Structures are given as structure tokens and as C-alpha cells.
C-alpha atoms as a PDB file:
ATOM      1  CA  UNK A   1      -7.853 -22.088  -9.493  1.00  0.00           C
ATOM      2  CA  UNK A   2     -10.752 -19.455  -9.627  1.00  0.00           C
ATOM      3  CA  UNK A   3     -11.145 -18.648 -13.234  1.00  0.00           C
ATOM      4  CA  UNK A   4      -9.514 -15.376 -14.199  1.00  0.00           C
ATOM      5  CA  UNK A   5     -12.879 -13.001 -15.175  1.00  0.00           C
ATOM      6  CA  UNK A   6     -14.030 -14.252 -11.747  1.00  0.00           C
ATOM      7  CA  UNK A   7     -11.076 -13.300  -9.694  1.00  0.00           C
ATOM      8  CA  UNK A   8     -11.391  -9.919 -11.164  1.00  0.00           C
ATOM      9  CA  UNK A   9     -15.137  -9.257 -10.495  1.00  0.00           C
ATOM     10  CA  UNK A  10     -14.193 -10.357  -7.106  1.00  0.00           C
ATOM     11  CA  UNK A  11     -11.768  -7.237  -6.252  1.00  0.00           C
ATOM     12  CA  UNK A  12     -13.610  -4.819  -9.078  1.00  0.00           C
ATOM     13  CA  UNK A  13     -17.146  -5.338  -7.315  1.00  0.00           C
ATOM     14  CA  UNK A  14     -15.365  -5.166  -3.600  1.00  0.00           C
ATOM     15  CA  UNK A  15     -13.620  -1.730  -5.045  1.00  0.00           C
ATOM     16  CA  UNK A  16     -16.645  -0.659  -6.559  1.00  0.00           C
ATOM     17  CA  UNK A  17     -18.521  -1.162  -3.141  1.00  0.00           C
ATOM     18  CA  UNK A  18     -15.817   0.842  -0.666  1.00  0.00           C
ATOM     19  CA  UNK A  19     -15.196   3.219  -3.066  1.00  0.00           C
ATOM     20  CA  UNK A  20     -17.458   3.908  -5.875  1.00  0.00           C
ATOM     21  CA  UNK A  21     -14.993   4.317  -8.337  1.00  0.00           C
ATOM     22  CA  UNK A  22     -13.250   2.154 -11.054  1.00  0.00           C
ATOM     23  CA  UNK A  23     -11.337  -0.476 -10.691  1.00  0.00           C
ATOM     24  CA  UNK A  24      -7.880   0.644 -12.232  1.00  0.00           C
ATOM     25  CA  UNK A  25      -6.611  -1.536 -15.026  1.00  0.00           C
ATOM     26  CA  UNK A  26      -2.887  -0.599 -13.790  1.00  0.00           C
ATOM     27  CA  UNK A  27      -4.000  -3.260 -11.128  1.00  0.00           C
ATOM     28  CA  UNK A  28      -5.208  -5.729 -12.725  1.00  0.00           C
ATOM     29  CA  UNK A  29      -2.084  -7.825 -14.081  1.00  0.00           C
ATOM     30  CA  UNK A  30      -0.980  -7.736  -9.873  1.00  0.00           C
ATOM     31  CA  UNK A  31      -4.516  -8.844  -8.969  1.00  0.00           C
ATOM     32  CA  UNK A  32      -4.003 -11.717 -11.132  1.00  0.00           C
ATOM     33  CA  UNK A  33      -0.689 -12.360 -10.593  1.00  0.00           C
ATOM     34  CA  UNK A  34      -1.448 -12.841  -6.972  1.00  0.00           C
ATOM     35  CA  UNK A  35      -3.972 -15.591  -7.157  1.00  0.00           C
ATOM     36  CA  UNK A  36      -1.571 -17.058  -9.812  1.00  0.00           C
ATOM     37  CA  UNK A  37      -3.227 -16.966 -13.020  1.00  0.00           C
ATOM     38  CA  UNK A  38      -0.540 -16.335 -15.866  1.00  0.00           C
ATOM     39  CA  UNK A  39      -2.360 -13.744 -17.898  1.00  0.00           C
ATOM     40  CA  UNK A  40      -0.004 -13.441 -20.075  1.00  0.00           C
ATOM     41  CA  UNK A  41      -1.045 -17.280 -21.423  1.00  0.00           C
ATOM     42  CA  UNK A  42      -4.522 -16.013 -21.363  1.00  0.00           C
ATOM     43  CA  UNK A  43      -3.907 -12.380 -23.671  1.00  0.00           C
ATOM     44  CA  UNK A  44      -2.495 -14.669 -26.508  1.00  0.00           C
ATOM     45  CA  UNK A  45      -1.112 -11.282 -27.947  1.00  0.00           C
ATOM     46  CA  UNK A  46      -4.419  -8.921 -26.906  1.00  0.00           C
ATOM     47  CA  UNK A  47      -4.582  -6.389 -24.772  1.00  0.00           C
ATOM     48  CA  UNK A  48      -5.738  -7.242 -21.222  1.00  0.00           C
ATOM     49  CA  UNK A  49      -8.839  -4.612 -21.884  1.00  0.00           C
ATOM     50  CA  UNK A  50      -9.567  -6.381 -25.300  1.00  0.00           C
ATOM     51  CA  UNK A  51      -9.416  -9.998 -22.962  1.00  0.00           C
ATOM     52  CA  UNK A  52     -12.191  -8.527 -20.980  1.00  0.00           C
ATOM     53  CA  UNK A  53     -14.309  -7.256 -23.200  1.00  0.00           C
ATOM     54  CA  UNK A  54     -14.706 -10.232 -24.941  1.00  0.00           C
ATOM     55  CA  UNK A  55     -14.835 -12.883 -22.024  1.00  0.00           C
ATOM     56  CA  UNK A  56     -15.873 -11.010 -18.682  1.00  0.00           C
ATOM     57  CA  UNK A  57     -19.029  -8.428 -20.795  1.00  0.00           C
ATOM     58  CA  UNK A  58     -21.360  -9.799 -18.667  1.00  0.00           C
ATOM     59  CA  UNK A  59     -19.336  -9.457 -15.276  1.00  0.00           C
ATOM     60  CA  UNK A  60     -17.047  -6.130 -16.212  1.00  0.00           C
ATOM     61  CA  UNK A  61     -17.151  -3.317 -17.704  1.00  0.00           C
ATOM     62  CA  UNK A  62     -14.379  -1.989 -19.340  1.00  0.00           C
ATOM     63  CA  UNK A  63     -14.203   2.481 -19.268  1.00  0.00           C
ATOM     64  CA  UNK A  64     -12.367   4.799 -20.269  1.00  0.00           C
ATOM     65  CA  UNK A  65     -11.542   7.771 -18.514  1.00  0.00           C
ATOM     66  CA  UNK A  66     -12.397  10.826 -20.791  1.00  0.00           C
ATOM     67  CA  UNK A  67      -9.195  13.444 -18.903  1.00  0.00           C
ATOM     68  CA  UNK A  68      -6.940  10.848 -19.739  1.00  0.00           C
ATOM     69  CA  UNK A  69      -7.570   8.619 -22.806  1.00  0.00           C
ATOM     70  CA  UNK A  70      -4.066   6.277 -21.298  1.00  0.00           C
ATOM     71  CA  UNK A  71      -6.335   5.529 -17.982  1.00  0.00           C
ATOM     72  CA  UNK A  72      -9.064   2.379 -18.287  1.00  0.00           C
ATOM     73  CA  UNK A  73     -10.628   0.739 -15.398  1.00  0.00           C
ATOM     74  CA  UNK A  74     -13.281  -1.733 -14.695  1.00  0.00           C
ATOM     75  CA  UNK A  75     -16.438  -1.501 -12.907  1.00  0.00           C
ATOM     76  CA  UNK A  76     -19.159  -4.336 -12.195  1.00  0.00           C
ATOM     77  CA  UNK A  77     -21.071  -4.724 -15.567  1.00  0.00           C
ATOM     78  CA  UNK A  78     -24.872  -4.185 -13.830  1.00  0.00           C
ATOM     79  CA  UNK A  79     -23.960  -0.470 -12.271  1.00  0.00           C
ATOM     80  CA  UNK A  80     -25.849   2.409 -13.558  1.00  0.00           C
ATOM     81  CA  UNK A  81     -23.214   5.001 -14.810  1.00  0.00           C
ATOM     82  CA  UNK A  82     -23.132   8.538 -14.909  1.00  0.00           C
ATOM     83  CA  UNK A  83     -22.722  10.263 -18.081  1.00  0.00           C
ATOM     84  CA  UNK A  84     -19.192  12.285 -17.171  1.00  0.00           C
ATOM     85  CA  UNK A  85     -17.411   8.752 -16.880  1.00  0.00           C
ATOM     86  CA  UNK A  86     -14.214  11.238 -15.242  1.00  0.00           C
ATOM     87  CA  UNK A  87     -15.996  10.807 -11.948  1.00  0.00           C
ATOM     88  CA  UNK A  88     -15.354   7.176 -12.242  1.00  0.00           C
ATOM     89  CA  UNK A  89     -11.053   7.621 -11.687  1.00  0.00           C
ATOM     90  CA  UNK A  90     -11.537  11.029  -9.085  1.00  0.00           C
ATOM     91  CA  UNK A  91      -9.496  10.970  -6.333  1.00  0.00           C
ATOM     92  CA  UNK A  92     -10.790  10.809  -3.320  1.00  0.00           C
ATOM     93  CA  UNK A  93     -10.458  14.079  -0.720  1.00  0.00           C
ATOM     94  CA  UNK A  94      -9.050  12.148   1.665  1.00  0.00           C
ATOM     95  CA  UNK A  95      -6.332  10.678  -0.960  1.00  0.00           C
ATOM     96  CA  UNK A  96      -5.365  14.299  -2.319  1.00  0.00           C
ATOM     97  CA  UNK A  97      -4.374  15.484   0.693  1.00  0.00           C
ATOM     98  CA  UNK A  98      -2.595  13.004   2.585  1.00  0.00           C
ATOM     99  CA  UNK A  99      -1.206  13.674   6.662  1.00  0.00           C
ATOM    100  CA  UNK A 100       1.937  16.551   6.117  1.00  0.00           C
ATOM    101  CA  UNK A 101       3.361  13.895   8.989  1.00  0.00           C
ATOM    102  CA  UNK A 102       6.455  11.503   7.842  1.00  0.00           C
ATOM    103  CA  UNK A 103       5.967   8.179   9.878  1.00  0.00           C
ATOM    104  CA  UNK A 104       8.542   6.889  11.426  1.00  0.00           C
ATOM    105  CA  UNK A 105       9.990   4.067   9.803  1.00  0.00           C
ATOM    106  CA  UNK A 106       8.892   1.037  11.739  1.00  0.00           C
ATOM    107  CA  UNK A 107       5.243   2.091  11.962  1.00  0.00           C
ATOM    108  CA  UNK A 108       6.027   2.652   7.907  1.00  0.00           C
ATOM    109  CA  UNK A 109       7.576  -1.104   7.989  1.00  0.00           C
ATOM    110  CA  UNK A 110       4.772  -2.372  10.207  1.00  0.00           C
ATOM    111  CA  UNK A 111       2.378  -1.715   7.307  1.00  0.00           C
ATOM    112  CA  UNK A 112       4.252  -1.791   4.286  1.00  0.00           C
ATOM    113  CA  UNK A 113       5.181  -5.567   5.103  1.00  0.00           C
ATOM    114  CA  UNK A 114       2.767  -8.539   4.535  1.00  0.00           C
ATOM    115  CA  UNK A 115       1.623 -10.823   7.501  1.00  0.00           C
ATOM    116  CA  UNK A 116       1.909 -14.152   7.584  1.00  0.00           C
ATOM    117  CA  UNK A 117      -1.056 -16.172   7.866  1.00  0.00           C
ATOM    118  CA  UNK A 118      -1.091 -17.539  11.672  1.00  0.00           C
ATOM    119  CA  UNK A 119       0.704 -15.046  12.745  1.00  0.00           C
ATOM    120  CA  UNK A 120      -0.267 -11.843  15.236  1.00  0.00           C
ATOM    121  CA  UNK A 121       1.848  -8.131  14.671  1.00  0.00           C
ATOM    122  CA  UNK A 122       2.148  -5.859  17.640  1.00  0.00           C
ATOM    123  CA  UNK A 123       4.369  -2.871  18.143  1.00  0.00           C
ATOM    124  CA  UNK A 124       7.068  -3.691  21.244  1.00  0.00           C
ATOM    125  CA  UNK A 125       5.393  -0.782  23.106  1.00  0.00           C
ATOM    126  CA  UNK A 126       3.909   2.437  23.713  1.00  0.00           C
ATOM    127  CA  UNK A 127       6.388   4.168  21.662  1.00  0.00           C
ATOM    128  CA  UNK A 128       5.860   2.240  18.675  1.00  0.00           C
ATOM    129  CA  UNK A 129       9.805   1.982  18.016  1.00  0.00           C
ATOM    130  CA  UNK A 130       9.766  -1.618  16.664  1.00  0.00           C
ATOM    131  CA  UNK A 131       6.809  -4.604  16.241  1.00  0.00           C
ATOM    132  CA  UNK A 132       7.027  -7.872  16.472  1.00  0.00           C
ATOM    133  CA  UNK A 133       5.126 -10.915  14.540  1.00  0.00           C
ATOM    134  CA  UNK A 134       4.196 -13.455  16.693  1.00  0.00           C
ATOM    135  CA  UNK A 135       2.723 -16.871  16.435  1.00  0.00           C
ATOM    136  CA  UNK A 136      -1.347 -17.284  17.390  1.00  0.00           C
ATOM    137  CA  UNK A 137      -0.408 -18.565  21.001  1.00  0.00           C
ATOM    138  CA  UNK A 138       2.640 -16.478  21.737  1.00  0.00           C
ATOM    139  CA  UNK A 139       2.416 -14.142  24.675  1.00  0.00           C
ATOM    140  CA  UNK A 140       1.837 -10.794  23.123  1.00  0.00           C
ATOM    141  CA  UNK A 141       3.719  -8.115  24.764  1.00  0.00           C
ATOM    142  CA  UNK A 142       2.615  -6.194  27.591  1.00  0.00           C
ATOM    143  CA  UNK A 143       1.898  -2.469  26.548  1.00  0.00           C
ATOM    144  CA  UNK A 144       1.725  -3.045  22.321  1.00  0.00           C
ATOM    145  CA  UNK A 145      -0.649  -2.215  20.175  1.00  0.00           C
ATOM    146  CA  UNK A 146      -1.694  -4.677  17.634  1.00  0.00           C
ATOM    147  CA  UNK A 147      -1.692  -4.497  13.924  1.00  0.00           C
ATOM    148  CA  UNK A 148      -4.453  -7.052  12.443  1.00  0.00           C
ATOM    149  CA  UNK A 149      -4.121  -7.968   9.311  1.00  0.00           C
ATOM    150  CA  UNK A 150      -7.003  -6.045   8.194  1.00  0.00           C
ATOM    151  CA  UNK A 151      -5.518  -2.825   9.132  1.00  0.00           C
ATOM    152  CA  UNK A 152      -3.034  -3.225   7.108  1.00  0.00           C
ATOM    153  CA  UNK A 153      -3.506  -2.042   2.655  1.00  0.00           C
ATOM    154  CA  UNK A 154      -4.821  -4.781   0.355  1.00  0.00           C
ATOM    155  CA  UNK A 155      -1.585  -7.465  -1.518  1.00  0.00           C
ATOM    156  CA  UNK A 156      -2.167  -5.950  -4.646  1.00  0.00           C
ATOM    157  CA  UNK A 157      -1.984  -2.363  -3.682  1.00  0.00           C
ATOM    158  CA  UNK A 158       1.571  -2.538  -2.147  1.00  0.00           C
ATOM    159  CA  UNK A 159       1.982  -3.693  -5.519  1.00  0.00           C
ATOM    160  CA  UNK A 160       0.597  -0.727  -6.641  1.00  0.00           C
ATOM    161  CA  UNK A 161       2.239   3.231  -8.041  1.00  0.00           C
ATOM    162  CA  UNK A 162      -0.415   3.643  -5.263  1.00  0.00           C
ATOM    163  CA  UNK A 163       1.285   2.393  -2.913  1.00  0.00           C
ATOM    164  CA  UNK A 164       2.297   5.086  -0.662  1.00  0.00           C
ATOM    165  CA  UNK A 165      -1.003   6.565  -0.375  1.00  0.00           C
ATOM    166  CA  UNK A 166      -2.520   3.385   0.393  1.00  0.00           C
ATOM    167  CA  UNK A 167      -0.149   2.880   3.513  1.00  0.00           C
ATOM    168  CA  UNK A 168      -0.751   6.321   4.904  1.00  0.00           C
ATOM    169  CA  UNK A 169      -4.187   5.900   4.620  1.00  0.00           C
ATOM    170  CA  UNK A 170      -4.379   2.241   6.758  1.00  0.00           C
ATOM    171  CA  UNK A 171      -1.584   4.598   9.395  1.00  0.00           C
ATOM    172  CA  UNK A 172      -4.112   6.721   9.490  1.00  0.00           C
ATOM    173  CA  UNK A 173      -7.488   4.932   9.885  1.00  0.00           C
ATOM    174  CA  UNK A 174      -5.501   2.814  12.498  1.00  0.00           C
ATOM    175  CA  UNK A 175      -4.334   5.020  14.456  1.00  0.00           C
ATOM    176  CA  UNK A 176      -7.534   6.749  14.705  1.00  0.00           C
ATOM    177  CA  UNK A 177      -9.470   3.487  15.345  1.00  0.00           C
ATOM    178  CA  UNK A 178      -6.686   2.960  18.568  1.00  0.00           C
ATOM    179  CA  UNK A 179      -7.223   6.803  19.550  1.00  0.00           C
ATOM    180  CA  UNK A 180      -3.023   7.117  18.754  1.00  0.00           C
ATOM    181  CA  UNK A 181      -2.332  11.260  17.755  1.00  0.00           C
ATOM    182  CA  UNK A 182      -0.389  11.299  14.473  1.00  0.00           C
ATOM    183  CA  UNK A 183       2.427  13.047  15.909  1.00  0.00           C
ATOM    184  CA  UNK A 184       2.739  10.798  18.382  1.00  0.00           C
ATOM    185  CA  UNK A 185       4.251   8.699  14.814  1.00  0.00           C
ATOM    186  CA  UNK A 186       6.123  11.335  13.398  1.00  0.00           C
ATOM    187  CA  UNK A 187       9.894  10.101  12.216  1.00  0.00           C
ATOM    188  CA  UNK A 188      10.955  13.196  14.386  1.00  0.00           C
ATOM    189  CA  UNK A 189      10.604  11.117  17.603  1.00  0.00           C
ATOM    190  CA  UNK A 190      11.603   8.302  15.826  1.00  0.00           C
ATOM    191  CA  UNK A 191      14.703  10.280  15.301  1.00  0.00           C
ATOM    192  CA  UNK A 192      15.448  11.404  18.341  1.00  0.00           C
ATOM    193  CA  UNK A 193      14.495   8.390  20.668  1.00  0.00           C
ATOM    194  CA  UNK A 194      16.647   5.664  18.788  1.00  0.00           C
ATOM    195  CA  UNK A 195      19.854   7.509  17.452  1.00  0.00           C
ATOM    196  CA  UNK A 196      23.101   7.021  18.891  1.00  0.00           C
ATOM    197  CA  UNK A 197      24.837   9.888  20.494  1.00  0.00           C
ATOM    198  CA  UNK A 198      28.072  11.661  18.983  1.00  0.00           C
ATOM    199  CA  UNK A 199      31.186   9.311  19.738  1.00  0.00           C
ATOM    200  CA  UNK A 200      34.310   9.172  18.306  1.00  0.00           C
ATOM    201  CA  UNK A 201      33.707   9.000  14.194  1.00  0.00           C
ATOM    202  CA  UNK A 202      30.833  11.465  14.325  1.00  0.00           C
ATOM    203  CA  UNK A 203      27.090  10.786  14.445  1.00  0.00           C
ATOM    204  CA  UNK A 204      25.562   8.463  12.057  1.00  0.00           C
ATOM    205  CA  UNK A 205      23.873   9.260   8.593  1.00  0.00           C
ATOM    206  CA  UNK A 206      20.153   9.705   9.399  1.00  0.00           C
ATOM    207  CA  UNK A 207      18.171   8.320   6.720  1.00  0.00           C
ATOM    208  CA  UNK A 208      14.706   8.155   9.087  1.00  0.00           C
ATOM    209  CA  UNK A 209      12.877  10.739   6.839  1.00  0.00           C
ATOM    210  CA  UNK A 210      13.270   8.766   3.861  1.00  0.00           C
ATOM    211  CA  UNK A 211      10.603   6.324   2.995  1.00  0.00           C
ATOM    212  CA  UNK A 212      10.752   2.522   2.128  1.00  0.00           C
ATOM    213  CA  UNK A 213      10.376   3.226  -1.810  1.00  0.00           C
ATOM    214  CA  UNK A 214      12.948   6.112  -1.199  1.00  0.00           C
ATOM    215  CA  UNK A 215      16.009   3.956  -0.017  1.00  0.00           C
ATOM    216  CA  UNK A 216      15.274   1.216  -2.713  1.00  0.00           C
ATOM    217  CA  UNK A 217      16.296   4.083  -4.696  1.00  0.00           C
ATOM    218  CA  UNK A 218      19.791   5.108  -3.350  1.00  0.00           C
ATOM    219  CA  UNK A 219      22.704   4.125  -5.141  1.00  0.00           C
ATOM    220  CA  UNK A 220      25.887   5.966  -3.776  1.00  0.00           C
ATOM    221  CA  UNK A 221      29.074   4.303  -5.452  1.00  0.00           C
ATOM    222  CA  UNK A 222      31.711   3.459  -2.432  1.00  0.00           C
ATOM    223  CA  UNK A 223      33.870   5.861  -3.281  1.00  0.00           C
ATOM    224  CA  UNK A 224      31.482   8.783  -2.351  1.00  0.00           C
ATOM    225  CA  UNK A 225      30.342   6.915   0.642  1.00  0.00           C
ATOM    226  CA  UNK A 226      33.759   7.171   1.943  1.00  0.00           C
ATOM    227  CA  UNK A 227      34.606  10.864   1.273  1.00  0.00           C
ATOM    228  CA  UNK A 228      30.630  11.678   3.382  1.00  0.00           C
ATOM    229  CA  UNK A 229      30.715  13.481   6.241  1.00  0.00           C
ATOM    230  CA  UNK A 230      29.292  12.694   9.352  1.00  0.00           C
ATOM    231  CA  UNK A 231      27.994  15.888  11.024  1.00  0.00           C
END
């Protein structure tokens, strides 16, 4: 197992190279955990930023957001910083203004789920109503578009507070690379194509407008569910 400071340094350097901003301290625990590091044992009662400042000073620099005293980040030790440290915590324009589209649930799920090693992910057809993971030796769907592991958000980001924004960014970049109009991935299209017509008991309850995060938070007592009218 790599030294825990080296694990953080690798992620911080990559983050800096791509974004030019501080790596959020809030992501450090999940990053270490993903690499099998028991960071609680390392801390030994210290705060994480204190441990990094003590043991990783030659590789990492701890910085505080002057606009939010509770916000901390990490940058490579050798970089030259602007006097205004708040720039290190600024949100990029594309992250501030995500697309107004609400993506179809199959599309969202395809980018929110990790891809196992040795597997490939394809949408089953050009309607993007479903996707499938297949082994490297299996035949891909005829008209399916592939989602590479490099198209997915970094694993640590899927456990971060910015999860939804990272998924949106990944879908948008993938669609642009494949010349896929974003409006073709709209959840309204999914609702029209995949929902069953009305039957004796009425229509199905439509949950397609909810994100994966929304669905995890839904808790409805059974007695209220039985009173619902599906219209």
C-alpha cells in the first residue's frame, strides 16, 4: 500500500493540473479510504489538516478559504499562489451553471454507477433507454454508444457533496464528444417512451423527474402510499 501522503499528493497534483484549484479537504477521507488507508489510525486524535501539515509539508500545502473559514483545501507544495487565496476555491463557470436539462434516469444511472474492471458499458440503442455492462470479449449492441471508464466521474467524486454536479459534467462532456444533442437525453423523452399506458388501476407513479439522490431520500409511510391516487 502506498504511503498515505503519496496517495493524497497524487490526487492533489491531478486535481491541480486539470482545475488549477485547491483539492477540497472534504474529499481527502474518501480518497484515502478508496486506497485502503485507515486514516483514523494515522490521525491518532489529530485533525487531518494538522497531520498533513506535519507529515506532508514537503509535498502538500494546506490552504484556507478566506471567504469561508470552515473551508480548507490542498495544493502541491511547490506551486506559486496568488495573494487572493479565495481564487483557489472558486467554482468554474461550467460548474456554476449546469445544463437546465434533467437527464433520463438510465443515462444518469450509467454515469453514477462504477464500472467493474474488465467490463465495458454500452447503451443498448440510440434511444438511450437502457444500458448494459458486458465483458471485453462479448459482442456490443449494434447501435449502442459506449461509455468508457474514462468518461465516468472519478470514484472519489461519486462519494463527495459535489456528486450530482460531477455526474452532469461527465454526461455533458460525453454527449459533446459523441455529437449527441443534450435534449435527446431529456427525462421527458424517457417518460414518454418507457411508461406504460393507463390501465384499470390508473397510470404508474412517475418518479423519473427525481435524481438518484432524491430517490434515496424518499420515505413514505405505507398507510399514505395506499391513499395515493395515480392520475
